[in-house]
Amino acid sequence: MSRFLIFILLLATCTSFAFASDPSPLQDFCVTDPKSPVFVNGVVCKDPKGVQADDFLFRGLHLMGNTSNNVGSAVTPVTVAELPGLNTFGISMARIDFAPMGINPPHTHPRATEILTVIEGRILVGFVTSNPENRLITKVLEKGDVFVFPEGLIHFQKNLDHGYALALAALSSQNPGVITIANAVFGSNPDIPTDVLAKAFQTDINVVNQIQSKF
């Protein structure tokens, strides 16, 4: 019986690792087929015989994003949607541009861990641990510093300087997803009932209405 229990524990451990991130490829590559009508958990592959070098190429990451918005940042993603050759490889990346004092507002990636490298500027970063502790872990990063955000946790970045800042992020999924907290809570479609938000945030319904109007 003890050997059987050990076997079950080992099997459960291996299974948890197997499903901890994107599935491993079973062939050299699986370039996405955007014309396929089939819907699967992931993206359908196109015929390898039709694959070209451009399927593995993304151009433009050297270009600065437009930071003229309310938060003062721009994210240029390179996921499987932009680079078909990433399919099944379990990786993606993004360029993050910051206007002076701009922020990348609190958000989460439901399917990926993120590792961020500062290319230019001085950036305040942080993430919040899960309930019930909700501990804020934060650090000021300089050029060349690297910081990791655990999968699924709310995190943010802020440019501390009066010049532009730049960071590059790598993520452990071809499709990490992003949920910007303020947009999701106050800008959902349809709206979350105001009385629910008022009670959750311990504030007045009129305050909730005012915030929702901005999204």
C-alpha atoms as a PDB file:
ATOM      1  CA  MET A   1       0.000   0.000   0.000  1.00  0.00           C
ATOM      2  CA  SER A   2       2.824   2.444   0.877  1.00  0.00           C
ATOM      3  CA  ARG A   3       4.478   1.867  -2.521  1.00  0.00           C
ATOM      4  CA  PHE A   4       1.132   2.510  -4.207  1.00  0.00           C
ATOM      5  CA  LEU A   5       0.734   5.808  -2.328  1.00  0.00           C
ATOM      6  CA  ILE A   6       4.259   6.852  -3.273  1.00  0.00           C
ATOM      7  CA  PHE A   7       3.483   6.048  -6.907  1.00  0.00           C
ATOM      8  CA  ILE A   8       0.296   8.150  -6.786  1.00  0.00           C
ATOM      9  CA  LEU A   9       2.175  11.054  -5.216  1.00  0.00           C
ATOM     10  CA  LEU A  10       4.889  10.886  -7.871  1.00  0.00           C
ATOM     11  CA  LEU A  11       2.262  10.665 -10.608  1.00  0.00           C
ATOM     12  CA  ALA A  12       0.425  13.688  -9.205  1.00  0.00           C
ATOM     13  CA  THR A  13       3.676  15.659  -8.989  1.00  0.00           C
ATOM     14  CA  CYS A  14       4.620  14.829 -12.564  1.00  0.00           C
ATOM     15  CA  THR A  15       1.120  15.674 -13.757  1.00  0.00           C
ATOM     16  CA  SER A  16       1.176  19.046 -11.999  1.00  0.00           C
ATOM     17  CA  PHE A  17       4.483  19.892 -13.690  1.00  0.00           C
ATOM     18  CA  ALA A  18       3.136  18.738 -17.044  1.00  0.00           C
ATOM     19  CA  PHE A  19       0.181  21.105 -16.855  1.00  0.00           C
ATOM     20  CA  ALA A  20       2.016  23.997 -15.184  1.00  0.00           C
ATOM     21  CA  SER A  21       2.590  25.867 -18.455  1.00  0.00           C
ATOM     22  CA  ASP A  22       1.962  25.650 -22.188  1.00  0.00           C
ATOM     23  CA  PRO A  23       2.141  22.101 -23.589  1.00  0.00           C
ATOM     24  CA  SER A  24       5.476  21.034 -25.060  1.00  0.00           C
ATOM     25  CA  PRO A  25       5.732  20.754 -28.855  1.00  0.00           C
ATOM     26  CA  LEU A  26       5.461  17.292 -30.405  1.00  0.00           C
ATOM     27  CA  GLN A  27       7.155  18.361 -33.645  1.00  0.00           C
ATOM     28  CA  ASP A  28       9.828  20.823 -34.790  1.00  0.00           C
ATOM     29  CA  PHE A  29       7.296  23.644 -35.056  1.00  0.00           C
ATOM     30  CA  CYS A  30       3.578  24.300 -35.317  1.00  0.00           C
ATOM     31  CA  VAL A  31       3.060  27.613 -37.104  1.00  0.00           C
ATOM     32  CA  THR A  32      -0.447  28.933 -36.564  1.00  0.00           C
ATOM     33  CA  ASP A  33      -3.028  28.666 -39.318  1.00  0.00           C
ATOM     34  CA  PRO A  34      -5.228  31.782 -39.035  1.00  0.00           C
ATOM     35  CA  LYS A  35      -7.544  30.504 -41.787  1.00  0.00           C
ATOM     36  CA  SER A  36      -8.501  27.316 -39.963  1.00  0.00           C
ATOM     37  CA  PRO A  37     -12.150  27.197 -38.804  1.00  0.00           C
ATOM     38  CA  VAL A  38     -11.266  24.663 -36.096  1.00  0.00           C
ATOM     39  CA  PHE A  39     -11.330  25.947 -32.508  1.00  0.00           C
ATOM     40  CA  VAL A  40      -8.929  24.221 -30.108  1.00  0.00           C
ATOM     41  CA  ASN A  41      -7.180  24.953 -26.813  1.00  0.00           C
ATOM     42  CA  GLY A  42      -4.358  26.832 -28.472  1.00  0.00           C
ATOM     43  CA  VAL A  43      -3.980  27.402 -32.198  1.00  0.00           C
ATOM     44  CA  VAL A  44      -4.234  24.989 -35.128  1.00  0.00           C
ATOM     45  CA  CYS A  45      -1.025  24.303 -37.081  1.00  0.00           C
ATOM     46  CA  LYS A  46      -0.745  24.877 -40.784  1.00  0.00           C
ATOM     47  CA  ASP A  47       0.897  22.391 -43.148  1.00  0.00           C
ATOM     48  CA  PRO A  48       4.674  22.437 -42.456  1.00  0.00           C
ATOM     49  CA  LYS A  49       5.310  22.336 -46.199  1.00  0.00           C
ATOM     50  CA  GLY A  50       3.794  25.809 -46.478  1.00  0.00           C
ATOM     51  CA  VAL A  51       5.835  27.346 -43.671  1.00  0.00           C
ATOM     52  CA  GLN A  52       8.111  30.246 -44.619  1.00  0.00           C
ATOM     53  CA  ALA A  53      10.885  32.134 -42.793  1.00  0.00           C
ATOM     54  CA  ASP A  54       8.528  35.081 -42.280  1.00  0.00           C
ATOM     55  CA  ASP A  55       6.351  32.864 -40.066  1.00  0.00           C
ATOM     56  CA  PHE A  56       9.149  33.037 -37.477  1.00  0.00           C
ATOM     57  CA  LEU A  57       9.806  36.764 -37.859  1.00  0.00           C
ATOM     58  CA  PHE A  58       8.472  39.857 -36.077  1.00  0.00           C
ATOM     59  CA  ARG A  59       9.669  43.302 -37.101  1.00  0.00           C
ATOM     60  CA  GLY A  60       9.285  46.597 -35.283  1.00  0.00           C
ATOM     61  CA  LEU A  61      10.280  46.014 -31.671  1.00  0.00           C
ATOM     62  CA  HIS A  62      12.808  48.838 -32.010  1.00  0.00           C
ATOM     63  CA  LEU A  63       9.952  51.304 -32.520  1.00  0.00           C
ATOM     64  CA  MET A  64       8.716  53.296 -29.541  1.00  0.00           C
ATOM     65  CA  GLY A  65       5.065  52.807 -28.630  1.00  0.00           C
ATOM     66  CA  ASN A  66       2.624  55.697 -28.377  1.00  0.00           C
ATOM     67  CA  THR A  67       2.544  56.726 -24.719  1.00  0.00           C
ATOM     68  CA  SER A  68       0.107  59.614 -25.253  1.00  0.00           C
ATOM     69  CA  ASN A  69      -2.682  58.118 -23.160  1.00  0.00           C
ATOM     70  CA  ASN A  70      -4.136  58.403 -19.667  1.00  0.00           C
ATOM     71  CA  VAL A  71      -1.576  56.083 -18.063  1.00  0.00           C
ATOM     72  CA  GLY A  72       1.503  57.194 -19.994  1.00  0.00           C
ATOM     73  CA  SER A  73       2.678  53.815 -21.256  1.00  0.00           C
ATOM     74  CA  ALA A  74       2.479  51.572 -24.292  1.00  0.00           C
ATOM     75  CA  VAL A  75       2.918  47.810 -24.539  1.00  0.00           C
ATOM     76  CA  THR A  76       4.023  46.242 -27.823  1.00  0.00           C
ATOM     77  CA  PRO A  77       3.294  42.516 -27.485  1.00  0.00           C
ATOM     78  CA  VAL A  78       4.993  39.711 -29.386  1.00  0.00           C
ATOM     79  CA  THR A  79       2.711  36.755 -28.699  1.00  0.00           C
ATOM     80  CA  VAL A  80       1.471  33.989 -30.950  1.00  0.00           C
ATOM     81  CA  ALA A  81      -1.048  36.480 -32.363  1.00  0.00           C
ATOM     82  CA  GLU A  82       1.791  38.637 -33.723  1.00  0.00           C
ATOM     83  CA  LEU A  83       4.377  35.899 -34.377  1.00  0.00           C
ATOM     84  CA  PRO A  84       2.771  32.665 -35.667  1.00  0.00           C
ATOM     85  CA  GLY A  85       5.987  30.668 -35.232  1.00  0.00           C
ATOM     86  CA  LEU A  86       5.698  30.961 -31.419  1.00  0.00           C
ATOM     87  CA  ASN A  87       2.854  28.441 -31.360  1.00  0.00           C
ATOM     88  CA  THR A  88       3.518  25.574 -28.878  1.00  0.00           C
ATOM     89  CA  PHE A  89       6.853  27.058 -27.725  1.00  0.00           C
ATOM     90  CA  GLY A  90       5.524  28.477 -24.451  1.00  0.00           C
ATOM     91  CA  ILE A  91       7.218  31.863 -24.714  1.00  0.00           C
ATOM     92  CA  SER A  92       6.426  35.438 -25.707  1.00  0.00           C
ATOM     93  CA  MET A  93       7.737  38.918 -25.055  1.00  0.00           C
ATOM     94  CA  ALA A  94       6.752  42.566 -24.985  1.00  0.00           C
ATOM     95  CA  ARG A  95       8.246  46.014 -25.242  1.00  0.00           C
ATOM     96  CA  ILE A  96       7.008  48.499 -22.615  1.00  0.00           C
ATOM     97  CA  ASP A  97       7.504  52.223 -23.208  1.00  0.00           C
ATOM     98  CA  PHE A  98       6.919  54.758 -20.444  1.00  0.00           C
ATOM     99  CA  ALA A  99       6.314  58.475 -20.759  1.00  0.00           C
ATOM    100  CA  PRO A 100       7.828  60.596 -17.961  1.00  0.00           C
ATOM    101  CA  MET A 101       6.174  59.446 -14.718  1.00  0.00           C
ATOM    102  CA  GLY A 102       4.016  57.022 -16.726  1.00  0.00           C
ATOM    103  CA  ILE A 103       2.714  53.742 -15.327  1.00  0.00           C
ATOM    104  CA  ASN A 104       1.870  50.284 -16.551  1.00  0.00           C
ATOM    105  CA  PRO A 105      -1.191  49.991 -14.294  1.00  0.00           C
ATOM    106  CA  PRO A 106      -1.887  47.056 -11.964  1.00  0.00           C
ATOM    107  CA  HIS A 107      -2.614  43.979 -14.041  1.00  0.00           C
ATOM    108  CA  THR A 108      -2.149  40.238 -14.097  1.00  0.00           C
ATOM    109  CA  HIS A 109      -1.154  37.584 -16.629  1.00  0.00           C
ATOM    110  CA  PRO A 110      -3.380  34.563 -15.933  1.00  0.00           C
ATOM    111  CA  ARG A 111      -1.208  32.150 -17.892  1.00  0.00           C
ATOM    112  CA  ALA A 112       2.384  33.321 -17.481  1.00  0.00           C
ATOM    113  CA  THR A 113       5.254  34.318 -15.249  1.00  0.00           C
ATOM    114  CA  GLU A 114       6.911  37.551 -16.409  1.00  0.00           C
ATOM    115  CA  ILE A 115      10.576  38.518 -16.236  1.00  0.00           C
ATOM    116  CA  LEU A 116      11.271  42.207 -16.833  1.00  0.00           C
ATOM    117  CA  THR A 117      14.543  43.859 -17.869  1.00  0.00           C
ATOM    118  CA  VAL A 118      15.022  47.630 -17.670  1.00  0.00           C
ATOM    119  CA  ILE A 119      16.693  48.975 -20.810  1.00  0.00           C
ATOM    120  CA  GLU A 120      16.496  52.690 -20.039  1.00  0.00           C
ATOM    121  CA  GLY A 121      15.343  54.698 -17.054  1.00  0.00           C
ATOM    122  CA  ARG A 122      14.501  54.041 -13.424  1.00  0.00           C
ATOM    123  CA  ILE A 123      11.343  52.023 -12.828  1.00  0.00           C
ATOM    124  CA  LEU A 124       9.423  51.205  -9.663  1.00  0.00           C
ATOM    125  CA  VAL A 125       7.990  47.683  -9.871  1.00  0.00           C
ATOM    126  CA  GLY A 126       5.877  45.633  -7.511  1.00  0.00           C
ATOM    127  CA  PHE A 127       3.490  42.740  -7.084  1.00  0.00           C
ATOM    128  CA  VAL A 128       0.950  41.771  -4.444  1.00  0.00           C
ATOM    129  CA  THR A 129       0.762  38.296  -2.917  1.00  0.00           C
ATOM    130  CA  SER A 130      -2.519  36.403  -2.754  1.00  0.00           C
ATOM    131  CA  ASN A 131      -5.128  36.503   0.036  1.00  0.00           C
ATOM    132  CA  PRO A 132      -5.114  36.751   2.968  1.00  0.00           C
ATOM    133  CA  GLU A 133      -1.668  38.364   3.289  1.00  0.00           C
ATOM    134  CA  ASN A 134      -1.875  40.723   0.281  1.00  0.00           C
ATOM    135  CA  ARG A 135       1.737  41.716   0.836  1.00  0.00           C
ATOM    136  CA  LEU A 136       3.244  44.313  -1.496  1.00  0.00           C
ATOM    137  CA  ILE A 137       6.720  43.354  -2.728  1.00  0.00           C
ATOM    138  CA  THR A 138       8.343  46.294  -4.487  1.00  0.00           C
ATOM    139  CA  LYS A 139      11.715  47.463  -5.787  1.00  0.00           C
ATOM    140  CA  VAL A 140      13.232  50.357  -7.705  1.00  0.00           C
ATOM    141  CA  LEU A 141      15.017  49.040 -10.807  1.00  0.00           C
ATOM    142  CA  GLU A 142      17.886  50.698 -12.654  1.00  0.00           C
ATOM    143  CA  LYS A 143      19.133  50.136 -16.192  1.00  0.00           C
ATOM    144  CA  GLY A 144      20.134  46.483 -16.622  1.00  0.00           C
ATOM    145  CA  ASP A 145      18.173  45.222 -13.602  1.00  0.00           C
ATOM    146  CA  VAL A 146      15.949  42.163 -13.955  1.00  0.00           C
ATOM    147  CA  PHE A 147      12.821  41.420 -11.900  1.00  0.00           C
ATOM    148  CA  VAL A 148      10.354  38.530 -11.983  1.00  0.00           C
ATOM    149  CA  PHE A 149       6.582  38.669 -11.454  1.00  0.00           C
ATOM    150  CA  PRO A 150       5.021  35.338 -10.401  1.00  0.00           C
ATOM    151  CA  GLU A 151       2.281  33.917 -12.594  1.00  0.00           C
ATOM    152  CA  GLY A 152      -1.199  35.250 -11.921  1.00  0.00           C
ATOM    153  CA  LEU A 153      -0.233  37.875  -9.322  1.00  0.00           C
ATOM    154  CA  ILE A 154      -1.224  41.526  -9.663  1.00  0.00           C
ATOM    155  CA  HIS A 155       1.781  43.668 -10.580  1.00  0.00           C
ATOM    156  CA  PHE A 156       2.657  47.119 -11.907  1.00  0.00           C
ATOM    157  CA  GLN A 157       5.480  49.365 -13.110  1.00  0.00           C
ATOM    158  CA  LYS A 158       6.039  53.134 -12.810  1.00  0.00           C
ATOM    159  CA  ASN A 159       8.619  55.349 -14.481  1.00  0.00           C
ATOM    160  CA  LEU A 160      10.199  57.407 -11.687  1.00  0.00           C
ATOM    161  CA  ASP A 161      12.072  59.824 -13.911  1.00  0.00           C
ATOM    162  CA  HIS A 162      11.152  62.867 -15.978  1.00  0.00           C
ATOM    163  CA  GLY A 163      12.507  61.237 -19.142  1.00  0.00           C
ATOM    164  CA  TYR A 164      11.222  58.297 -21.147  1.00  0.00           C
ATOM    165  CA  ALA A 165      11.868  54.748 -19.896  1.00  0.00           C
ATOM    166  CA  LEU A 166      11.973  51.398 -21.662  1.00  0.00           C
ATOM    167  CA  ALA A 167      11.696  47.795 -20.494  1.00  0.00           C
ATOM    168  CA  LEU A 168      11.528  44.411 -22.188  1.00  0.00           C
ATOM    169  CA  ALA A 169       9.456  41.579 -20.748  1.00  0.00           C
ATOM    170  CA  ALA A 170       9.634  37.850 -21.421  1.00  0.00           C
ATOM    171  CA  LEU A 171       6.658  35.648 -20.540  1.00  0.00           C
ATOM    172  CA  SER A 172       6.294  31.905 -20.057  1.00  0.00           C
ATOM    173  CA  SER A 173       3.363  31.439 -22.433  1.00  0.00           C
ATOM    174  CA  GLN A 174       2.728  31.970 -26.107  1.00  0.00           C
ATOM    175  CA  ASN A 175      -0.543  33.618 -25.033  1.00  0.00           C
ATOM    176  CA  PRO A 176      -0.062  34.983 -21.499  1.00  0.00           C
ATOM    177  CA  GLY A 177      -3.247  37.052 -21.461  1.00  0.00           C
ATOM    178  CA  VAL A 178      -3.584  40.304 -19.567  1.00  0.00           C
ATOM    179  CA  ILE A 179      -6.246  41.571 -17.162  1.00  0.00           C
ATOM    180  CA  THR A 180      -5.879  45.248 -16.284  1.00  0.00           C
ATOM    181  CA  ILE A 181      -7.556  45.490 -12.893  1.00  0.00           C
ATOM    182  CA  ALA A 182      -9.163  48.923 -13.211  1.00  0.00           C
ATOM    183  CA  ASN A 183     -10.462  48.209 -16.719  1.00  0.00           C
ATOM    184  CA  ALA A 184     -11.868  44.833 -15.702  1.00  0.00           C
ATOM    185  CA  VAL A 185     -13.534  46.071 -12.512  1.00  0.00           C
ATOM    186  CA  PHE A 186     -14.821  49.462 -13.645  1.00  0.00           C
ATOM    187  CA  GLY A 187     -14.992  48.976 -17.405  1.00  0.00           C
ATOM    188  CA  SER A 188     -16.600  45.561 -17.778  1.00  0.00           C
ATOM    189  CA  ASN A 189     -19.297  45.023 -20.409  1.00  0.00           C
ATOM    190  CA  PRO A 190     -21.958  45.082 -19.096  1.00  0.00           C
ATOM    191  CA  ASP A 191     -21.064  47.001 -15.934  1.00  0.00           C
ATOM    192  CA  ILE A 192     -20.664  45.218 -12.637  1.00  0.00           C
ATOM    193  CA  PRO A 193     -23.599  46.458 -10.496  1.00  0.00           C
ATOM    194  CA  THR A 194     -22.646  49.653  -8.693  1.00  0.00           C
ATOM    195  CA  ASP A 195     -23.922  48.422  -5.329  1.00  0.00           C
ATOM    196  CA  VAL A 196     -21.595  45.414  -5.579  1.00  0.00           C
ATOM    197  CA  LEU A 197     -18.586  47.639  -6.269  1.00  0.00           C
ATOM    198  CA  ALA A 198     -19.600  50.171  -3.626  1.00  0.00           C
ATOM    199  CA  LYS A 199     -19.721  47.462  -0.980  1.00  0.00           C
ATOM    200  CA  ALA A 200     -16.521  45.786  -2.212  1.00  0.00           C
ATOM    201  CA  PHE A 201     -14.565  49.061  -2.155  1.00  0.00           C
ATOM    202  CA  GLN A 202     -16.352  50.401   0.928  1.00  0.00           C
ATOM    203  CA  THR A 203     -17.369  53.602  -0.828  1.00  0.00           C
ATOM    204  CA  ASP A 204     -20.421  55.473  -2.090  1.00  0.00           C
ATOM    205  CA  ILE A 205     -22.353  54.435  -5.204  1.00  0.00           C
ATOM    206  CA  ASN A 206     -21.851  57.917  -6.652  1.00  0.00           C
ATOM    207  CA  VAL A 207     -18.087  57.453  -6.416  1.00  0.00           C
ATOM    208  CA  VAL A 208     -18.403  54.156  -8.297  1.00  0.00           C
ATOM    209  CA  ASN A 209     -20.509  55.814 -11.001  1.00  0.00           C
ATOM    210  CA  GLN A 210     -17.894  58.531 -11.387  1.00  0.00           C
ATOM    211  CA  ILE A 211     -15.069  56.013 -11.776  1.00  0.00           C
ATOM    212  CA  GLN A 212     -17.052  53.823 -14.188  1.00  0.00           C
ATOM    213  CA  SER A 213     -17.684  56.859 -16.388  1.00  0.00           C
ATOM    214  CA  LYS A 214     -13.931  57.082 -17.044  1.00  0.00           C
ATOM    215  CA  PHE A 215     -13.847  53.596 -18.550  1.00  0.00           C
END
